[in-house]
Amino acid sequence: MSRFHSLQVSQVIQTNTIGSFPFAETIGLYSTMETLVPQAVLILLIALATIWVKKSNSLRATE
């Protein structure tokens, strides 16, 4: 269980659940806005970094 999720369960931090979203504790996927938004931002950053590296490598290959 993640530390952030522990704080939500103990009601130290407010929880805004998304009822239709799946819950998968084994991979740290909890159906709350407080955990899904940062995870989505990280996935977006990883995707953008991957695209940037691939473009950078293809430009070097053409030189």
Protein backbone atom coordinates (compact mmCIF):
# COMPACT_ATOMS: atom_id res chain seq x y z
CA MET A 1 0.00 0.00 0.00
CA SER A 2 1.38 3.42 -0.90
CA ARG A 3 2.06 5.99 1.79
CA PHE A 4 -0.31 8.44 0.17
CA HIS A 5 -3.06 5.85 0.06
CA SER A 6 -2.43 5.06 3.74
CA LEU A 7 -3.07 8.71 4.57
CA GLN A 8 -6.29 8.60 2.59
CA VAL A 9 -7.48 5.42 4.31
CA SER A 10 -6.74 6.91 7.74
CA GLN A 11 -8.72 10.02 6.65
CA VAL A 12 -5.79 12.40 7.12
CA ILE A 13 -6.14 13.44 3.47
CA GLN A 14 -9.46 13.88 1.69
CA THR A 15 -10.38 11.20 -0.84
CA ASN A 16 -12.26 11.91 -4.07
CA THR A 17 -13.10 8.53 -5.55
CA ILE A 18 -14.05 7.78 -9.13
CA GLY A 19 -16.67 5.06 -8.96
CA SER A 20 -16.32 3.72 -12.49
CA PHE A 21 -12.50 3.37 -12.38
CA PRO A 22 -10.92 0.00 -11.52
CA PHE A 23 -8.97 -0.57 -8.29
CA ALA A 24 -5.73 -2.58 -8.50
CA GLU A 25 -3.79 -2.45 -5.25
CA THR A 26 -1.06 -4.79 -6.52
CA ILE A 27 0.18 -2.17 -8.99
CA GLY A 28 -0.73 0.88 -6.89
CA LEU A 29 -3.74 1.90 -8.95
CA TYR A 30 -6.39 3.41 -6.71
CA SER A 31 -9.58 4.98 -8.00
CA THR A 32 -9.06 8.42 -6.49
CA MET A 33 -8.31 11.75 -8.17
CA GLU A 34 -5.40 12.31 -5.78
CA THR A 35 -3.54 9.26 -7.06
CA LEU A 36 -4.71 9.05 -10.69
CA VAL A 37 -3.82 12.62 -11.69
CA PRO A 38 -0.13 12.39 -10.66
CA GLN A 39 0.14 8.93 -12.26
CA ALA A 40 -1.35 10.27 -15.50
CA VAL A 41 1.11 13.20 -15.47
CA LEU A 42 4.04 10.80 -15.00
CA ILE A 43 2.83 8.59 -17.87
CA LEU A 44 2.52 11.68 -20.09
CA LEU A 45 6.05 12.83 -19.17
CA ILE A 46 7.45 9.37 -19.92
CA ALA A 47 5.67 9.30 -23.29
CA LEU A 48 6.95 12.79 -24.20
CA ALA A 49 10.50 11.88 -23.15
CA THR A 50 10.33 8.73 -25.27
CA ILE A 51 9.16 10.70 -28.31
CA TRP A 52 11.88 13.32 -27.75
CA VAL A 53 14.63 10.68 -27.49
CA LYS A 54 13.43 8.88 -30.63
CA LYS A 55 13.31 12.15 -32.60
CA SER A 56 16.73 13.11 -31.29
CA ASN A 57 18.18 9.76 -32.30
CA SER A 58 16.65 9.89 -35.77
CA LEU A 59 18.08 13.38 -36.35
CA ARG A 60 21.55 12.14 -35.37
CA ALA A 61 21.22 9.18 -37.72
CA THR A 62 20.50 11.45 -40.69
CA GLU A 63 23.56 13.67 -40.09
